[in-house]
């Protein structure tokens, strides 16, 4: 079997890390119904699992301003406090309900530079069991082109299993 190299990380190694962190996340969040506790746990475990994850956290839909996200649990440098659905990668993910993978955030129209060190980003919408958008998971990297379909697959799977079931 051949092993392909992905930006310095073996693809099999990346999958292996996701399998382990998935197990860790499920073991801690199993039976936990508090959304904030689950978001804090996911942010922490993902942050420590991947060397290239610079900022990992959630922006939560504001219950009083349903077209706006407010910073939630995260690991990393200071995040933006609020993001409307009309701005940035997080806003686009919230507005479209679709995961966004951005290889170079500096080329993204309307990008919000919460931290100038961020160069690539993946944002995954978070839905509750009623299919209502409750947040987005935002993962940033200081490197360009960090995220791919493997990240999308695993992050969507973990988020769906924790929040939608």
C-alpha atoms as a PDB file:
ATOM      1  CA  UNK A   1       0.000   0.000   0.000  1.00  0.00           C
ATOM      2  CA  UNK A   2       1.369   3.420  -0.902  1.00  0.00           C
ATOM      3  CA  UNK A   3       1.171   6.295   1.541  1.00  0.00           C
ATOM      4  CA  UNK A   4       0.712   9.796   0.147  1.00  0.00           C
ATOM      5  CA  UNK A   5       2.230  12.773   1.866  1.00  0.00           C
ATOM      6  CA  UNK A   6      -0.055  15.761   2.552  1.00  0.00           C
ATOM      7  CA  UNK A   7       1.758  19.004   3.354  1.00  0.00           C
ATOM      8  CA  UNK A   8       4.230  17.262   5.641  1.00  0.00           C
ATOM      9  CA  UNK A   9       1.656  15.028   7.313  1.00  0.00           C
ATOM     10  CA  UNK A  10       1.063  11.501   6.172  1.00  0.00           C
ATOM     11  CA  UNK A  11      -2.555  11.052   5.154  1.00  0.00           C
ATOM     12  CA  UNK A  12      -2.771   7.884   7.194  1.00  0.00           C
ATOM     13  CA  UNK A  13      -1.369   9.771  10.185  1.00  0.00           C
ATOM     14  CA  UNK A  14      -3.979  12.520   9.796  1.00  0.00           C
ATOM     15  CA  UNK A  15      -6.779   9.934   9.673  1.00  0.00           C
ATOM     16  CA  UNK A  16      -5.271   8.165  12.673  1.00  0.00           C
ATOM     17  CA  UNK A  17      -5.232  11.400  14.684  1.00  0.00           C
ATOM     18  CA  UNK A  18      -8.870  12.053  13.791  1.00  0.00           C
ATOM     19  CA  UNK A  19      -9.864   8.511  14.816  1.00  0.00           C
ATOM     20  CA  UNK A  20      -8.177   8.946  18.194  1.00  0.00           C
ATOM     21  CA  UNK A  21      -9.538  12.439  18.884  1.00  0.00           C
ATOM     22  CA  UNK A  22     -13.016  11.272  17.824  1.00  0.00           C
ATOM     23  CA  UNK A  23     -12.822   8.480  20.401  1.00  0.00           C
ATOM     24  CA  UNK A  24     -11.588  10.923  23.045  1.00  0.00           C
ATOM     25  CA  UNK A  25     -14.356  13.441  22.282  1.00  0.00           C
ATOM     26  CA  UNK A  26     -17.104  10.819  22.407  1.00  0.00           C
ATOM     27  CA  UNK A  27     -15.797   9.335  25.645  1.00  0.00           C
ATOM     28  CA  UNK A  28     -15.925  12.726  27.370  1.00  0.00           C
ATOM     29  CA  UNK A  29     -19.156  14.069  25.835  1.00  0.00           C
ATOM     30  CA  UNK A  30     -21.214  10.865  26.027  1.00  0.00           C
ATOM     31  CA  UNK A  31     -24.365  11.637  27.997  1.00  0.00           C
ATOM     32  CA  UNK A  32     -23.458  15.324  28.392  1.00  0.00           C
ATOM     33  CA  UNK A  33     -26.356  17.532  27.303  1.00  0.00           C
ATOM     34  CA  UNK A  34     -24.818  20.938  28.082  1.00  0.00           C
ATOM     35  CA  UNK A  35     -23.911  22.521  24.751  1.00  0.00           C
ATOM     36  CA  UNK A  36     -21.249  24.837  26.217  1.00  0.00           C
ATOM     37  CA  UNK A  37     -19.502  21.953  27.984  1.00  0.00           C
ATOM     38  CA  UNK A  38     -19.444  19.948  24.764  1.00  0.00           C
ATOM     39  CA  UNK A  39     -18.125  22.900  22.741  1.00  0.00           C
ATOM     40  CA  UNK A  40     -15.381  23.569  25.291  1.00  0.00           C
ATOM     41  CA  UNK A  41     -14.356  19.910  25.261  1.00  0.00           C
ATOM     42  CA  UNK A  42     -14.277  19.673  21.467  1.00  0.00           C
ATOM     43  CA  UNK A  43     -12.260  22.898  21.177  1.00  0.00           C
ATOM     44  CA  UNK A  44      -9.720  21.688  23.709  1.00  0.00           C
ATOM     45  CA  UNK A  45      -9.252  18.187  22.321  1.00  0.00           C
ATOM     46  CA  UNK A  46      -9.011  19.280  18.676  1.00  0.00           C
ATOM     47  CA  UNK A  47      -6.590  22.056  19.577  1.00  0.00           C
ATOM     48  CA  UNK A  48      -4.201  19.648  21.278  1.00  0.00           C
ATOM     49  CA  UNK A  49      -4.565  16.891  18.661  1.00  0.00           C
ATOM     50  CA  UNK A  50      -3.275  18.832  15.648  1.00  0.00           C
ATOM     51  CA  UNK A  51      -0.065  20.826  15.553  1.00  0.00           C
ATOM     52  CA  UNK A  52      -1.306  23.061  12.712  1.00  0.00           C
ATOM     53  CA  UNK A  53      -4.579  24.045  14.430  1.00  0.00           C
ATOM     54  CA  UNK A  54      -3.878  27.596  15.639  1.00  0.00           C
ATOM     55  CA  UNK A  55      -7.384  28.633  16.770  1.00  0.00           C
ATOM     56  CA  UNK A  56     -10.207  26.191  17.448  1.00  0.00           C
ATOM     57  CA  UNK A  57     -13.584  27.304  18.680  1.00  0.00           C
ATOM     58  CA  UNK A  58     -17.238  27.997  18.260  1.00  0.00           C
ATOM     59  CA  UNK A  59     -19.263  31.015  17.312  1.00  0.00           C
ATOM     60  CA  UNK A  60     -22.792  30.601  18.632  1.00  0.00           C
ATOM     61  CA  UNK A  61     -25.957  31.977  17.031  1.00  0.00           C
ATOM     62  CA  UNK A  62     -27.107  34.862  19.223  1.00  0.00           C
ATOM     63  CA  UNK A  63     -30.670  34.085  20.390  1.00  0.00           C
ATOM     64  CA  UNK A  64     -31.510  37.810  20.363  1.00  0.00           C
ATOM     65  CA  UNK A  65     -29.945  38.538  16.956  1.00  0.00           C
ATOM     66  CA  UNK A  66     -30.509  35.430  14.866  1.00  0.00           C
ATOM     67  CA  UNK A  67     -28.374  36.701  11.973  1.00  0.00           C
ATOM     68  CA  UNK A  68     -25.331  37.171  14.193  1.00  0.00           C
ATOM     69  CA  UNK A  69     -22.735  34.901  15.766  1.00  0.00           C
ATOM     70  CA  UNK A  70     -21.160  35.582  19.155  1.00  0.00           C
ATOM     71  CA  UNK A  71     -17.898  34.013  20.306  1.00  0.00           C
ATOM     72  CA  UNK A  72     -18.289  30.850  22.336  1.00  0.00           C
ATOM     73  CA  UNK A  73     -15.837  28.377  23.857  1.00  0.00           C
ATOM     74  CA  UNK A  74     -12.467  28.377  22.106  1.00  0.00           C
ATOM     75  CA  UNK A  75      -8.751  27.676  22.373  1.00  0.00           C
ATOM     76  CA  UNK A  76      -6.336  30.235  20.951  1.00  0.00           C
ATOM     77  CA  UNK A  77      -5.720  33.941  20.694  1.00  0.00           C
ATOM     78  CA  UNK A  78      -8.462  36.527  21.098  1.00  0.00           C
ATOM     79  CA  UNK A  79     -11.363  35.864  18.736  1.00  0.00           C
ATOM     80  CA  UNK A  80     -13.815  38.300  17.213  1.00  0.00           C
ATOM     81  CA  UNK A  81     -16.653  38.951  19.626  1.00  0.00           C
ATOM     82  CA  UNK A  82     -19.416  39.128  16.999  1.00  0.00           C
ATOM     83  CA  UNK A  83     -19.756  38.181  13.341  1.00  0.00           C
ATOM     84  CA  UNK A  84     -22.825  38.811  11.212  1.00  0.00           C
ATOM     85  CA  UNK A  85     -23.989  36.203   8.702  1.00  0.00           C
ATOM     86  CA  UNK A  86     -23.022  38.700   5.980  1.00  0.00           C
ATOM     87  CA  UNK A  87     -19.289  38.804   6.806  1.00  0.00           C
ATOM     88  CA  UNK A  88     -16.341  36.471   6.808  1.00  0.00           C
ATOM     89  CA  UNK A  89     -15.912  32.746   6.463  1.00  0.00           C
ATOM     90  CA  UNK A  90     -17.918  32.051   9.628  1.00  0.00           C
ATOM     91  CA  UNK A  91     -20.772  34.228   8.381  1.00  0.00           C
ATOM     92  CA  UNK A  92     -20.806  32.430   5.032  1.00  0.00           C
ATOM     93  CA  UNK A  93     -20.893  29.005   6.711  1.00  0.00           C
ATOM     94  CA  UNK A  94     -23.746  30.161   8.953  1.00  0.00           C
ATOM     95  CA  UNK A  95     -25.687  31.743   6.094  1.00  0.00           C
ATOM     96  CA  UNK A  96     -25.299  28.828   3.648  1.00  0.00           C
ATOM     97  CA  UNK A  97     -25.319  25.985   6.172  1.00  0.00           C
ATOM     98  CA  UNK A  98     -22.319  24.505   4.345  1.00  0.00           C
ATOM     99  CA  UNK A  99     -18.750  23.841   5.419  1.00  0.00           C
ATOM    100  CA  UNK A 100     -16.238  26.361   4.103  1.00  0.00           C
ATOM    101  CA  UNK A 101     -12.611  25.419   3.361  1.00  0.00           C
ATOM    102  CA  UNK A 102     -10.428  28.428   2.624  1.00  0.00           C
ATOM    103  CA  UNK A 103      -6.812  27.839   1.541  1.00  0.00           C
ATOM    104  CA  UNK A 104      -5.861  31.523   1.779  1.00  0.00           C
ATOM    105  CA  UNK A 105      -8.112  33.731   3.901  1.00  0.00           C
ATOM    106  CA  UNK A 106      -6.456  36.863   2.505  1.00  0.00           C
ATOM    107  CA  UNK A 107      -8.097  36.114  -0.857  1.00  0.00           C
ATOM    108  CA  UNK A 108     -11.558  35.571   0.667  1.00  0.00           C
ATOM    109  CA  UNK A 109     -13.898  38.521  -0.024  1.00  0.00           C
ATOM    110  CA  UNK A 110     -15.069  40.010   3.258  1.00  0.00           C
ATOM    111  CA  UNK A 111     -12.587  38.074   5.392  1.00  0.00           C
ATOM    112  CA  UNK A 112     -12.507  39.315   8.981  1.00  0.00           C
ATOM    113  CA  UNK A 113      -8.963  39.394  10.336  1.00  0.00           C
ATOM    114  CA  UNK A 114      -9.611  38.562  13.978  1.00  0.00           C
ATOM    115  CA  UNK A 115      -5.966  37.488  14.128  1.00  0.00           C
ATOM    116  CA  UNK A 116      -3.508  38.524  11.425  1.00  0.00           C
ATOM    117  CA  UNK A 117      -1.560  35.264  11.835  1.00  0.00           C
ATOM    118  CA  UNK A 118      -4.396  33.173  10.361  1.00  0.00           C
ATOM    119  CA  UNK A 119      -3.778  32.090   6.764  1.00  0.00           C
ATOM    120  CA  UNK A 120      -6.211  29.203   6.187  1.00  0.00           C
ATOM    121  CA  UNK A 121      -9.503  28.193   7.752  1.00  0.00           C
ATOM    122  CA  UNK A 122     -12.259  25.606   7.872  1.00  0.00           C
ATOM    123  CA  UNK A 123     -15.693  26.450   9.271  1.00  0.00           C
ATOM    124  CA  UNK A 124     -18.322  23.769   9.925  1.00  0.00           C
ATOM    125  CA  UNK A 125     -21.980  24.641  10.649  1.00  0.00           C
ATOM    126  CA  UNK A 126     -23.355  23.097  13.845  1.00  0.00           C
ATOM    127  CA  UNK A 127     -26.993  21.965  13.862  1.00  0.00           C
ATOM    128  CA  UNK A 128     -29.045  20.645  16.755  1.00  0.00           C
ATOM    129  CA  UNK A 129     -31.212  17.516  16.553  1.00  0.00           C
ATOM    130  CA  UNK A 130     -34.031  19.635  15.058  1.00  0.00           C
ATOM    131  CA  UNK A 131     -31.714  20.713  12.170  1.00  0.00           C
ATOM    132  CA  UNK A 132     -31.585  24.272  13.539  1.00  0.00           C
ATOM    133  CA  UNK A 133     -28.265  26.122  13.201  1.00  0.00           C
ATOM    134  CA  UNK A 134     -26.882  26.734  16.696  1.00  0.00           C
ATOM    135  CA  UNK A 135     -23.238  27.615  15.961  1.00  0.00           C
ATOM    136  CA  UNK A 136     -20.249  27.176  13.682  1.00  0.00           C
ATOM    137  CA  UNK A 137     -16.989  25.413  14.487  1.00  0.00           C
ATOM    138  CA  UNK A 138     -14.080  27.568  13.308  1.00  0.00           C
ATOM    139  CA  UNK A 139     -10.567  26.137  12.937  1.00  0.00           C
ATOM    140  CA  UNK A 140      -7.719  28.400  11.823  1.00  0.00           C
ATOM    141  CA  UNK A 141      -4.117  27.712  10.840  1.00  0.00           C
ATOM    142  CA  UNK A 142      -1.100  29.963  10.420  1.00  0.00           C
ATOM    143  CA  UNK A 143      -0.155  27.861   7.384  1.00  0.00           C
ATOM    144  CA  UNK A 144      -1.746  28.128   3.948  1.00  0.00           C
ATOM    145  CA  UNK A 145      -3.898  25.279   2.559  1.00  0.00           C
ATOM    146  CA  UNK A 146      -3.995  23.355   5.832  1.00  0.00           C
ATOM    147  CA  UNK A 147      -7.506  21.958   5.476  1.00  0.00           C
ATOM    148  CA  UNK A 148      -9.011  19.520   2.987  1.00  0.00           C
ATOM    149  CA  UNK A 149     -11.865  17.059   2.482  1.00  0.00           C
ATOM    150  CA  UNK A 150     -10.444  14.753   5.165  1.00  0.00           C
ATOM    151  CA  UNK A 151     -10.792  17.529   7.750  1.00  0.00           C
ATOM    152  CA  UNK A 152     -14.277  18.289   6.466  1.00  0.00           C
ATOM    153  CA  UNK A 153     -15.365  14.649   6.674  1.00  0.00           C
ATOM    154  CA  UNK A 154     -14.106  14.117  10.217  1.00  0.00           C
ATOM    155  CA  UNK A 155     -15.139  17.473  11.662  1.00  0.00           C
ATOM    156  CA  UNK A 156     -18.644  17.201  10.201  1.00  0.00           C
ATOM    157  CA  UNK A 157     -18.934  13.641  11.540  1.00  0.00           C
ATOM    158  CA  UNK A 158     -17.821  14.605  15.053  1.00  0.00           C
ATOM    159  CA  UNK A 159     -20.021  17.720  15.173  1.00  0.00           C
ATOM    160  CA  UNK A 160     -23.069  15.821  13.880  1.00  0.00           C
ATOM    161  CA  UNK A 161     -22.621  12.983  16.375  1.00  0.00           C
ATOM    162  CA  UNK A 162     -22.222  15.284  19.352  1.00  0.00           C
ATOM    163  CA  UNK A 163     -24.863  17.933  18.594  1.00  0.00           C
ATOM    164  CA  UNK A 164     -27.440  16.430  16.213  1.00  0.00           C
ATOM    165  CA  UNK A 165     -28.149  13.072  17.809  1.00  0.00           C
END
